[in-house]
Protein backbone atom coordinates (compact mmCIF):
# COMPACT_ATOMS: atom_id res chain seq x y z
CA MET A 1 96.70 99.96 -80.08
CA LYS A 2 96.51 96.18 -79.74
CA ILE A 3 98.84 94.40 -77.36
CA PRO A 4 99.08 90.78 -76.16
CA ALA A 5 98.44 90.35 -72.44
CA LEU A 6 97.88 87.90 -69.62
CA ARG A 7 94.68 88.29 -67.57
CA SER A 8 94.68 87.47 -63.87
CA LYS A 9 92.96 88.31 -60.60
CA ILE A 10 93.96 89.26 -57.05
CA GLY A 11 91.53 90.31 -54.35
CA ASP A 12 88.69 92.05 -56.17
CA TRP A 13 90.97 93.41 -58.91
CA THR A 14 91.08 91.95 -62.39
CA TYR A 15 94.30 93.04 -64.04
CA TYR A 16 96.22 92.54 -67.29
CA VAL A 17 99.97 92.02 -67.54
CA THR A 18 101.76 93.06 -70.72
CA THR A 19 104.67 95.12 -72.05
CA LEU A 20 104.75 98.57 -73.62
CA THR A 21 107.45 100.18 -75.69
CA PHE A 22 108.90 103.41 -74.39
CA GLU A 23 107.24 105.10 -77.38
CA GLN A 24 103.84 103.74 -76.33
CA VAL A 25 104.44 104.89 -72.76
CA SER A 26 105.38 108.40 -73.90
CA GLN A 27 102.44 108.77 -76.27
CA ASN A 28 99.63 107.07 -74.35
CA ILE A 29 100.16 107.58 -70.61
CA SER A 30 99.06 110.89 -69.12
CA LYS A 31 100.06 112.48 -65.82
CA VAL A 32 98.06 111.92 -62.65
CA ASP A 33 95.96 115.11 -62.63
CA ASP A 34 92.16 115.02 -62.37
CA HIS A 35 91.94 111.24 -62.18
CA LEU A 36 92.10 110.90 -58.39
CA HIS A 37 90.58 114.18 -57.17
CA LYS A 38 88.16 116.82 -58.35
CA SER A 39 89.60 119.53 -56.09
CA GLU A 40 92.14 121.77 -57.83
CA SER A 41 94.27 121.97 -54.67
CA LEU A 42 94.36 118.19 -54.29
CA LYS A 43 95.16 117.79 -57.98
CA GLU A 44 98.12 120.11 -57.46
CA LEU A 45 99.33 118.04 -54.50
CA ILE A 46 99.35 114.92 -56.66
CA GLN A 47 101.13 116.75 -59.50
CA ARG A 48 103.79 118.02 -57.10
CA SER A 49 104.46 114.42 -56.01
CA VAL A 50 106.35 114.02 -59.30
CA THR A 51 109.69 115.48 -58.24
CA SER A 52 112.85 116.18 -60.17
CA ASN A 53 113.88 112.59 -59.41
CA TYR A 54 112.52 111.71 -62.86
CA LEU A 55 115.59 113.46 -64.29
CA SER A 56 117.81 110.91 -62.53
CA ILE A 57 115.71 108.16 -64.11
CA LYS A 58 116.18 109.84 -67.48
CA GLU A 59 119.96 109.81 -66.98
CA TYR A 60 119.79 106.15 -65.99
CA ILE A 61 117.84 105.26 -69.13
CA VAL A 62 120.12 107.22 -71.45
CA LYS A 63 123.43 106.09 -69.98
CA GLN A 64 122.95 102.63 -68.48
CA PRO A 65 122.99 99.87 -71.12
CA GLU A 66 121.92 97.33 -68.48
CA LEU A 67 118.84 99.31 -67.44
CA PHE A 68 115.89 97.47 -65.96
CA PHE A 69 112.66 98.55 -64.28
CA ASN A 70 109.89 96.86 -62.38
CA ALA A 71 106.40 97.04 -63.86
CA LEU A 72 104.26 100.15 -64.20
CA VAL A 73 100.80 99.91 -62.69
CA LEU A 74 98.41 101.75 -64.99
CA ALA A 75 94.74 102.66 -64.59
CA VAL A 76 92.49 102.85 -67.67
CA TYR A 77 89.11 104.55 -67.99
CA ASP A 78 86.74 105.92 -70.64
CA ASN A 79 86.21 103.04 -73.05
CA TYR A 80 88.19 100.40 -71.19
CA PRO A 81 89.98 98.22 -73.78
CA ASP A 82 88.29 95.20 -75.25
CA TRP A 83 89.62 91.82 -74.17
CA SER A 84 89.82 89.08 -76.78
CA GLU A 85 90.62 85.70 -75.33
CA ILE A 86 92.90 83.22 -77.02
CA GLU A 87 92.40 79.58 -76.13
CA VAL A 88 95.66 77.82 -75.31
CA THR A 89 95.86 74.08 -74.71
CA TYR A 90 98.82 72.35 -73.11
CA ASP A 91 99.46 69.08 -71.26
CA ASN A 92 95.80 68.03 -71.62
CA GLY A 93 94.72 71.35 -70.09
CA GLU A 94 93.51 74.67 -71.41
CA THR A 95 93.52 78.31 -70.40
CA TYR A 96 91.78 81.47 -71.50
CA GLN A 97 94.12 83.81 -69.59
CA LEU A 98 96.01 84.83 -72.72
CA GLY A 99 94.60 87.31 -75.18
CA LEU A 100 94.71 90.75 -76.79
CA LEU A 101 93.91 94.14 -75.28
CA ASP A 102 92.40 96.41 -77.91
CA PHE A 103 92.48 100.10 -76.91
CA PRO A 104 90.01 102.48 -78.62
CA SER A 105 91.28 105.85 -79.74
CA ASN A 106 89.84 107.77 -76.80
CA HIS A 107 91.15 105.63 -73.97
CA LYS A 108 92.82 107.36 -71.02
CA ILE A 109 95.70 105.81 -69.10
CA PHE A 110 97.47 107.19 -66.02
CA PRO A 111 100.03 105.65 -63.63
CA LEU A 112 99.00 104.47 -60.19
CA ASP A 113 102.57 103.37 -59.58
CA GLY A 114 105.51 104.50 -61.69
CA GLN A 115 104.80 108.17 -62.41
CA HIS A 116 108.50 109.03 -62.09
CA ARG A 117 109.44 106.21 -64.46
CA VAL A 118 106.88 107.45 -67.00
CA GLU A 119 108.24 111.00 -66.88
CA GLY A 120 111.82 109.70 -66.98
CA ILE A 121 111.00 107.66 -70.09
CA ARG A 122 109.37 110.66 -71.72
CA ALA A 123 112.40 112.86 -70.99
CA ALA A 124 114.81 110.14 -72.21
CA LEU A 125 112.98 109.86 -75.53
CA ALA A 126 113.12 113.62 -75.98
CA GLU A 127 116.90 113.34 -75.70
CA ASN A 128 117.34 110.07 -77.57
CA PRO A 129 114.35 108.97 -79.73
CA SER A 130 116.13 105.75 -80.72
CA LEU A 131 115.21 104.34 -77.29
CA GLY A 132 111.56 104.17 -78.35
CA ASN A 133 111.63 100.40 -78.98
CA GLN A 134 112.78 99.55 -75.45
CA GLN A 135 110.05 97.68 -73.55
CA ILE A 136 108.82 97.88 -69.98
CA ALA A 137 106.40 95.58 -68.16
CA ALA A 138 102.98 97.07 -67.44
CA ILE A 139 99.99 96.05 -65.36
CA PHE A 140 96.59 97.49 -66.35
CA VAL A 141 93.74 97.85 -63.87
CA GLY A 142 90.30 99.35 -64.39
CA HIS A 143 89.26 102.79 -63.11
CA LYS A 144 85.90 104.57 -63.00
CA ASN A 145 85.94 108.34 -63.02
CA ASP A 146 83.20 108.70 -60.40
CA GLU A 147 83.55 109.22 -56.64
CA ALA A 148 83.57 105.51 -55.79
CA GLY A 149 86.04 104.79 -58.60
CA MET A 150 88.33 107.64 -57.51
CA GLN A 151 88.27 106.37 -53.91
CA ARG A 152 89.13 102.85 -55.05
CA SER A 153 92.01 104.07 -57.24
CA ARG A 154 93.29 106.44 -54.52
CA ARG A 155 93.44 103.50 -52.11
CA LEU A 156 95.44 101.44 -54.60
CA PHE A 157 97.67 104.44 -55.39
CA SER A 158 98.51 105.01 -51.71
CA THR A 159 98.94 101.29 -50.99
CA LEU A 160 101.42 100.80 -53.83
CA ASN A 161 103.43 103.87 -52.85
CA ARG A 162 103.17 103.55 -49.07
CA TYR A 163 104.42 99.99 -48.89
CA ALA A 164 107.12 100.32 -51.53
CA LYS A 165 110.32 100.18 -49.51
CA PRO A 166 113.39 102.09 -50.66
CA VAL A 167 116.57 100.10 -51.18
CA THR A 168 118.33 99.76 -47.82
CA MET A 169 121.98 100.62 -47.25
CA ASP A 170 122.58 96.93 -46.52
CA ASP A 171 121.25 96.03 -49.97
CA ILE A 172 123.39 98.70 -51.63
CA ILE A 173 126.57 97.52 -49.93
CA ALA A 174 125.88 93.85 -50.61
CA LEU A 175 124.57 94.03 -54.17
CA ASP A 176 125.12 97.34 -55.99
CA GLU A 177 127.40 96.93 -59.00
CA ASP A 178 127.40 100.63 -59.96
CA ASP A 179 128.14 102.29 -56.61
CA SER A 180 131.94 102.55 -56.41
CA ILE A 181 131.88 102.73 -52.61
CA ALA A 182 129.80 99.57 -52.27
CA ILE A 183 132.08 97.68 -54.67
CA VAL A 184 135.27 98.69 -52.85
CA THR A 185 133.68 98.10 -49.42
CA ARG A 186 132.95 94.52 -50.47
CA GLU A 187 136.56 94.11 -51.58
CA LEU A 188 137.76 95.32 -48.18
CA LEU A 189 135.38 93.00 -46.35
CA GLU A 190 136.67 90.03 -48.29
CA ASN A 191 140.37 90.82 -48.59
CA PHE A 192 141.59 93.35 -45.99
CA ASN A 193 142.69 91.90 -42.66
CA LEU A 194 141.08 94.55 -40.43
CA PHE A 195 137.65 93.89 -41.95
CA THR A 196 137.61 90.15 -42.68
CA ASN A 197 136.03 87.34 -40.65
CA LYS A 198 133.88 88.78 -37.84
CA ARG A 199 135.71 92.08 -37.45
CA VAL A 200 132.88 94.05 -39.08
CA THR A 201 129.39 93.64 -37.69
CA LYS A 202 126.49 93.34 -40.12
CA ASN A 203 124.06 95.27 -37.90
CA LYS A 204 121.42 97.27 -39.75
CA ASN A 205 122.56 100.42 -37.94
CA LYS A 206 125.90 102.06 -37.32
CA ALA A 207 126.16 101.58 -33.57
CA ILE A 208 127.83 98.55 -32.02
CA HIS A 209 126.53 97.22 -28.71
CA ASP A 210 128.98 96.85 -25.83
CA SER A 211 128.13 93.14 -25.75
CA ASP A 212 129.89 92.74 -29.12
CA LYS A 213 133.40 91.84 -28.02
CA VAL A 214 134.69 90.88 -31.47
CA SER A 215 133.94 93.55 -34.08
CA PHE A 216 136.12 96.52 -34.89
CA THR A 217 133.36 98.53 -36.57
CA SER A 218 130.04 98.25 -38.42
CA ILE A 219 129.57 97.71 -42.14
CA ILE A 220 127.61 100.95 -42.58
CA THR A 221 130.36 102.92 -40.82
CA LEU A 222 132.95 101.38 -43.12
CA TYR A 223 130.85 102.43 -46.12
CA ASP A 224 130.56 105.97 -44.69
CA CYS A 225 134.33 106.17 -44.19
CA ASN A 226 134.90 105.03 -47.77
CA TYR A 227 132.38 107.66 -48.86
CA GLU A 228 134.72 110.30 -47.39
CA LEU A 229 137.66 108.66 -49.16
CA LEU A 230 135.84 108.77 -52.49
CA LYS A 231 135.32 112.51 -52.09
CA LEU A 232 139.07 112.95 -51.61
CA PHE A 233 139.86 110.56 -54.46
CA ARG A 234 137.60 112.50 -56.84
CA ARG A 235 139.13 115.80 -55.73
CA LYS A 236 142.55 114.48 -56.67
CA ARG A 237 141.16 113.17 -59.98
CA ARG A 238 139.64 116.55 -60.83
CA ASN A 239 143.00 118.19 -60.28
CA GLU A 240 144.59 115.70 -62.66
CA HIS A 241 141.73 115.66 -65.21
CA PRO A 242 139.97 119.04 -64.92
CA ASN A 243 137.95 118.53 -68.09
CA ALA A 244 136.83 114.93 -67.54
CA GLU A 245 133.02 114.79 -67.66
CA ARG A 246 132.65 111.99 -65.12
CA ASP A 247 135.00 113.58 -62.59
CA ASN A 248 132.88 116.75 -62.61
CA LYS A 249 129.57 115.03 -61.88
CA THR A 250 127.96 115.38 -58.48
CA LEU A 251 128.77 112.53 -56.13
CA LYS A 252 125.14 111.42 -56.18
CA GLU A 253 125.20 111.12 -59.97
CA TYR A 254 128.67 109.58 -59.97
CA LEU A 255 127.50 106.69 -57.79
CA LYS A 256 124.70 105.72 -60.18
CA PHE A 257 127.02 104.48 -62.90
CA ARG A 258 129.88 102.03 -62.62
CA PRO A 259 133.27 103.55 -63.47
CA ILE A 260 135.57 101.95 -66.03
CA ASP A 261 137.73 99.21 -64.53
CA ASP A 262 140.90 101.34 -64.47
CA GLU A 263 139.21 104.06 -62.45
CA LEU A 264 137.60 101.56 -60.09
CA ASN A 265 140.92 99.81 -59.56
CA LEU A 266 142.56 103.13 -58.73
CA PHE A 267 139.91 103.90 -56.09
CA ASN A 268 140.21 100.37 -54.72
CA GLU A 269 143.98 100.81 -54.41
CA PHE A 270 143.49 104.24 -52.84
CA CYS A 271 141.24 102.77 -50.11
CA PHE A 272 143.46 99.75 -49.47
CA ASN A 273 146.47 102.03 -49.07
CA PHE A 274 144.61 104.32 -46.67
CA TRP A 275 143.46 101.47 -44.44
CA SER A 276 146.88 99.81 -44.59
CA VAL A 277 148.52 102.92 -43.20
CA PHE A 278 145.72 103.31 -40.66
CA SER A 279 146.24 99.73 -39.43
CA ALA A 280 150.03 100.07 -39.29
CA GLU A 281 150.23 103.40 -37.45
CA PHE A 282 147.60 103.05 -34.72
CA THR A 283 148.96 100.94 -31.89
CA VAL A 284 145.48 99.88 -30.72
CA ILE A 285 144.72 98.40 -34.15
CA GLY A 286 147.86 96.30 -34.03
CA ASP A 287 146.98 95.17 -30.49
CA TYR A 288 143.45 94.28 -31.61
CA LEU A 289 144.63 92.30 -34.65
CA SER A 290 147.24 90.40 -32.66
CA ASN A 291 144.76 89.45 -29.92
CA GLU A 292 143.87 85.83 -30.57
CA THR A 293 141.28 85.51 -27.81
CA ILE A 294 137.57 85.03 -28.60
CA ALA A 295 136.84 88.59 -27.42
CA PRO A 296 139.61 90.81 -28.89
CA ALA A 297 137.58 94.06 -28.72
CA THR A 298 136.77 93.88 -24.99
CA ILE A 299 139.28 96.46 -23.76
CA PHE A 300 138.65 98.73 -26.75
CA ARG A 301 134.84 98.90 -26.40
CA ASN A 302 133.17 98.49 -23.03
CA SER A 303 130.79 100.17 -20.60
CA GLU A 304 133.41 100.92 -17.95
CA ASN A 305 135.66 103.53 -19.54
CA GLY A 306 134.05 103.48 -23.00
CA GLY A 307 137.11 101.96 -24.60
CA ASN A 308 138.87 103.56 -27.55
CA LEU A 309 137.46 106.20 -29.88
CA LEU A 310 138.41 104.22 -32.99
CA PHE A 311 136.24 101.28 -31.94
CA ARG A 312 133.11 103.42 -31.79
CA PRO A 313 131.39 104.27 -35.10
CA VAL A 314 130.73 107.81 -33.83
CA GLY A 315 134.48 108.14 -33.33
CA LEU A 316 135.91 106.30 -36.33
CA LEU A 317 134.09 108.38 -38.96
CA PRO A 318 135.22 111.74 -37.43
CA MET A 319 138.76 110.32 -37.27
CA VAL A 320 138.71 109.57 -41.00
CA GLN A 321 137.19 112.97 -41.74
CA ALA A 322 139.78 114.72 -39.58
CA ALA A 323 142.67 112.85 -41.22
CA ILE A 324 141.39 113.81 -44.67
CA GLU A 325 141.00 117.45 -43.66
CA ILE A 326 144.51 117.53 -42.17
CA HIS A 327 145.84 115.94 -45.38
CA LYS A 328 144.20 118.67 -47.46
CA ARG A 329 145.41 121.51 -45.23
CA GLU A 330 148.92 120.35 -44.40
CA LYS A 331 149.74 118.41 -47.59
CA VAL A 332 151.40 115.58 -45.69
CA SER A 333 151.04 111.80 -46.04
CA PHE A 334 148.48 109.77 -44.14
CA GLN A 335 151.34 107.83 -42.63
CA GLU A 336 152.64 110.98 -40.96
CA ILE A 337 149.13 112.08 -39.97
CA PHE A 338 148.19 108.77 -38.34
CA ARG A 339 151.58 108.49 -36.64
CA LYS A 340 150.92 111.82 -34.93
CA LEU A 341 147.25 111.11 -34.21
CA ASN A 342 148.35 107.85 -32.57
CA GLU A 343 150.02 109.96 -29.86
CA ILE A 344 146.65 111.37 -28.77
CA ASN A 345 144.97 109.53 -25.90
CA LEU A 346 141.78 108.18 -27.47
CA THR A 347 140.46 106.46 -24.34
CA LEU A 348 136.94 107.80 -23.96
CA ASN A 349 137.04 108.65 -20.26
CA ILE A 350 140.12 110.83 -20.77
CA SER A 351 139.75 114.57 -21.53
CA PRO A 352 138.40 115.94 -23.85
CA TRP A 353 136.17 112.98 -24.69
CA PRO A 354 133.93 112.80 -21.57
CA GLN A 355 130.62 114.55 -22.29
CA VAL A 356 131.71 115.02 -25.92
CA ILE A 357 131.50 111.46 -27.13
CA TRP A 358 131.26 109.51 -23.86
CA ASN A 359 128.81 110.16 -21.01
CA ASN A 360 130.96 109.62 -17.94
CA TYR A 361 127.96 109.59 -15.62
CA GLU A 362 125.64 107.19 -17.42
CA HIS A 363 128.41 105.23 -19.19
CA THR A 364 126.76 105.59 -22.58
CA MET A 365 127.80 106.99 -25.94
CA ILE A 366 126.87 110.51 -27.02
CA MET A 367 125.77 110.40 -30.65
CA ASN A 368 125.31 114.04 -31.70
CA ASN A 369 128.80 115.50 -31.35
CA GLN A 370 130.60 113.99 -34.34
CA GLY A 371 131.34 117.41 -35.83
CA LEU A 372 132.91 118.54 -32.55
CA THR A 373 134.87 115.27 -32.34
CA LYS A 374 136.35 115.89 -35.80
CA LEU A 375 137.37 119.46 -34.88
CA PHE A 376 138.92 118.27 -31.62
CA LEU A 377 141.03 115.70 -33.46
CA ILE A 378 142.35 118.37 -35.83
CA TYR A 379 142.99 120.70 -32.87
CA LEU A 380 144.81 118.01 -30.87
CA TYR A 381 146.87 117.11 -33.94
CA SER A 382 147.96 120.73 -34.40
CA PRO A 383 146.21 123.82 -32.98
CA THR A 384 147.74 125.89 -35.79
CA LEU A 385 145.61 124.02 -38.37
CA ILE A 386 142.36 125.12 -36.74
CA ARG A 387 140.73 128.16 -38.30
CA SER A 388 139.51 130.94 -36.06
CA PHE A 389 135.80 130.21 -36.57
CA GLU A 390 136.44 126.51 -35.90
CA LEU A 391 138.23 127.33 -32.66
CA ALA A 392 135.29 129.47 -31.59
CA THR A 393 132.97 126.54 -32.40
CA ILE A 394 135.09 124.14 -30.33
CA LYS A 395 135.08 126.46 -27.32
CA LEU A 396 131.36 127.16 -27.53
CA LYS A 397 130.25 123.54 -28.01
CA TYR A 398 132.74 122.10 -25.55
CA ALA A 399 131.72 124.59 -22.86
CA ALA A 400 128.07 123.64 -23.41
CA ALA A 401 128.88 119.92 -23.32
CA ILE A 402 130.72 120.04 -19.99
CA ALA A 403 128.54 122.81 -18.49
CA TYR A 404 131.59 125.05 -18.13
CA GLN A 405 131.03 128.05 -15.81
CA GLY A 406 134.23 130.02 -16.33
CA ASP A 407 135.53 132.32 -19.07
CA ILE A 408 134.87 130.52 -22.38
CA ASP A 409 138.33 131.51 -23.64
CA ASP A 410 139.83 129.36 -20.88
CA VAL A 411 137.73 126.25 -21.52
CA LEU A 412 140.51 124.43 -23.38
CA ASN A 413 143.28 125.20 -20.89
CA ASP A 414 143.14 121.83 -19.12
CA ILE A 415 143.13 119.70 -22.28
């Protein structure tokens, strides 16, 4: 195998940058097995690091025409390839960095970074051999199969994998063109009144500090709410198209590939309609939107009485989840649901919210009772919608939250 390459150096590593076809990757790159450890147990640990995630990469390769990968980092040992320089002159200068890598027949190559991509490529070719001419960038480094060489390669292996950061939720929301939720969330941020301007904070976490007197919610919370809406949207789609392949995919798989425009437009419309009804039926949202001061969220989120449940991320998401669950159980419109939920007192220092979502003593939010908050909203909407096991859960968790000393069956009497 002879391939053109660019030779370069960083630190004490000399490396070669080139491209390989998927066919070359499949045929010439082995798994990480005995290359980094001699111990059978440690070999097994390395082998187990290749998880079933490679199957997702296989699906991406097979089904995404715009696929792209970053470079594989590959170690070579046993007859390291010969390097033949090619002199290149340009602008009165010259370089010997370009050349050919010539691999002998008994070379061994294994991935220091990209083992899942290698296995995904191999699996994709097994399903569709015509992908063999696709090319991926590759970086070759040298490896010696002795103790010092193994230690050096293990250090590079761990460095490349330890410091590789996963894509953040911020990046997904801002940039992902396949994730339906991210696409629609961007549309809402740009075109829906409740979420435009500075009404959605760009914090890297869900919580909003009490000092933020402007925002309605956080961008990650909005994404999470739209995630719940997508689940409902897909449920409705499955009922209408029970045999549609895409509608029957898991949500995780569904989000990896951009839907056709018609489907995306339908989900976009579904979300806009939901939030339109939400904005119209909740009085506090109308009050917030009509407040033209520089601090419109002050009375709805503060450290005195906590403000309003809707203006806290740990309250808004359970509200959306509760509304969806009521919609599924009662088969009524969101307009009717929100109109009735609007009658519930959502001020956080009013029962049942103290010690459930708002710490009345320390004047801080309680973050770990979102499930209980959702059940309470359904219960307050209509006790008849609550299932017996859910009612038992409400009583048990509420009694624990408020340190109730009486008969647990009476714990909800004063709500």
